[in-house]
Protein backbone atom coordinates (compact mmCIF):
# COMPACT_ATOMS: atom_id res chain seq x y z
CA MET A 1 5.31 56.94 -51.95
CA ALA A 2 9.01 57.86 -51.33
CA ARG A 3 11.86 57.21 -53.59
CA PHE A 4 15.29 56.20 -51.97
CA SER A 5 17.76 55.20 -53.28
CA LYS A 6 19.02 51.58 -52.32
CA ALA A 7 21.76 52.68 -49.63
CA ALA A 8 19.00 55.05 -48.02
CA ALA A 9 16.21 52.19 -48.33
CA VAL A 10 18.61 49.55 -46.23
CA GLY A 11 19.46 52.48 -43.95
CA ALA A 12 15.50 53.37 -43.08
CA ILE A 13 14.63 49.47 -43.00
CA ALA A 14 17.21 48.73 -40.76
CA LEU A 15 16.18 52.12 -38.38
CA ALA A 16 12.77 51.26 -38.82
CA GLY A 17 13.09 47.69 -37.72
CA ALA A 18 15.09 49.49 -34.72
CA THR A 19 12.42 51.58 -32.88
CA VAL A 20 9.60 49.75 -34.06
CA MET A 21 8.54 47.41 -31.11
CA PHE A 22 7.32 44.14 -32.46
CA LYS A 23 5.12 41.56 -30.20
CA ALA A 24 7.05 38.45 -29.20
CA PRO A 25 5.28 35.61 -30.89
CA ALA A 26 2.69 33.70 -28.73
CA THR A 27 3.13 29.64 -28.99
CA GLY A 28 1.09 28.47 -31.44
CA ALA A 29 1.28 31.61 -33.07
CA ALA A 30 0.90 32.04 -37.35
CA THR A 31 4.67 32.86 -38.72
CA ALA A 32 5.24 36.18 -40.41
CA PRO A 33 4.65 35.85 -44.14
CA THR A 34 7.99 35.71 -46.62
CA ILE A 35 9.00 37.67 -49.41
CA GLU A 36 7.95 35.09 -52.11
CA ASN A 37 4.30 35.18 -49.88
CA LEU A 38 3.55 38.46 -50.34
CA GLN A 39 5.14 38.66 -53.96
CA ALA A 40 2.47 36.01 -54.77
CA ALA A 41 -0.55 38.08 -52.45
CA TYR A 42 0.37 40.99 -54.64
CA ASN A 43 0.28 39.46 -57.80
CA ARG A 44 -3.24 37.86 -57.39
CA GLU A 45 -4.13 41.59 -56.56
CA ALA A 46 -3.84 42.21 -60.31
CA ASN A 47 -7.69 41.77 -61.31
CA VAL A 48 -8.93 43.47 -58.15
CA ALA A 49 -6.27 46.69 -58.14
CA GLY A 50 -6.80 48.15 -61.58
CA GLY A 51 -4.42 50.52 -62.51
CA LEU A 52 -3.31 50.61 -59.05
CA HIS A 53 -1.35 48.01 -59.92
CA ASP A 54 2.15 47.69 -61.03
CA LYS A 55 3.17 44.45 -62.47
CA ASP A 56 6.96 45.31 -62.62
CA LEU A 57 7.03 45.50 -58.85
CA ARG A 58 9.38 42.94 -57.46
CA ILE A 59 9.76 42.81 -53.17
CA VAL A 60 13.11 42.85 -51.76
CA GLY A 61 12.83 43.54 -48.19
CA LEU A 62 10.24 42.79 -45.45
CA GLU A 63 10.04 43.62 -41.79
CA CYS A 64 6.96 42.37 -40.12
CA ALA A 65 5.27 42.38 -36.73
CA THR A 66 1.93 40.65 -35.44
CA VAL A 67 -0.97 42.99 -35.31
CA GLU A 68 -3.75 40.12 -33.94
CA GLY A 69 -3.92 36.50 -34.64
CA ALA A 70 -2.90 35.42 -38.39
CA ARG A 71 -2.40 39.14 -38.93
CA PHE A 72 1.05 40.81 -39.94
CA ALA A 73 2.05 44.69 -40.50
CA CYS A 74 4.56 45.29 -42.72
CA GLN A 75 7.24 47.30 -44.31
CA VAL A 76 7.72 46.85 -47.20
CA GLY A 77 11.26 47.71 -49.70
CA PHE A 78 10.38 47.01 -53.57
CA VAL A 79 12.20 47.99 -56.41
CA LYS A 80 10.57 48.71 -59.94
CA GLU A 81 11.96 46.26 -62.45
CA GLU A 82 11.79 49.63 -65.41
CA GLU A 83 13.49 51.56 -63.68
CA GLY A 84 16.17 48.88 -62.32
CA ALA A 85 17.66 47.83 -58.58
CA ASP A 86 18.83 50.67 -57.81
CA ARG A 87 15.75 52.59 -56.34
CA VAL A 88 13.88 50.93 -53.46
CA TYR A 89 10.32 51.79 -52.48
CA LEU A 90 9.17 52.14 -49.31
CA ASP A 91 5.59 50.98 -48.34
CA ALA A 92 3.69 49.39 -45.36
CA ALA A 93 1.22 47.15 -46.14
CA LEU A 94 -1.26 44.40 -43.93
CA VAL A 95 -1.65 41.07 -44.99
CA GLU A 96 -3.40 38.55 -43.72
CA ARG A 97 -2.92 33.88 -43.60
CA LYS A 98 -5.23 32.31 -45.25
CA SER A 99 -4.06 28.96 -44.91
CA ALA A 100 -0.24 27.39 -44.93
CA GLU A 101 1.05 29.29 -47.98
CA ASP A 102 -1.72 31.75 -49.05
CA TRP A 103 -2.00 34.95 -47.89
CA LYS A 104 -4.15 38.30 -48.76
CA LEU A 105 -2.98 41.35 -48.99
CA LEU A 106 -5.75 43.79 -46.84
CA ARG A 107 -4.05 47.06 -46.87
CA GLY A 108 -0.48 48.76 -48.85
CA LEU A 109 1.28 48.02 -52.68
CA CYS A 110 -1.98 48.87 -53.79
CA ARG A 111 -4.98 48.25 -51.86
CA ARG A 112 -5.94 51.64 -50.32
CA LEU A 113 -8.47 52.87 -47.73
CA LEU A 114 -11.48 53.58 -49.05
């Protein structure tokens, strides 16, 4: 995971948003997750992730694109509470909608490919 200053992270998120092509959502397509949706999905992973789970991670930015159906690839900006909000980290995540407000974190943050 890379470490960036808050200003650098905001610039990186803006740049990434400008250079990544997003698929236009199809009629009836699932809407992208919100910061709150992804934070809740991350918090639910505490039991599964064990030592890889940062309990003080707070998501502060999110850019998502539809991968297929109810799956979204997201660029996530987050801070670690004990370090303060001056450092923003960036990671990629793959999430899937399970129901109206229930999302599953498939990859990224504390989920890694084995």
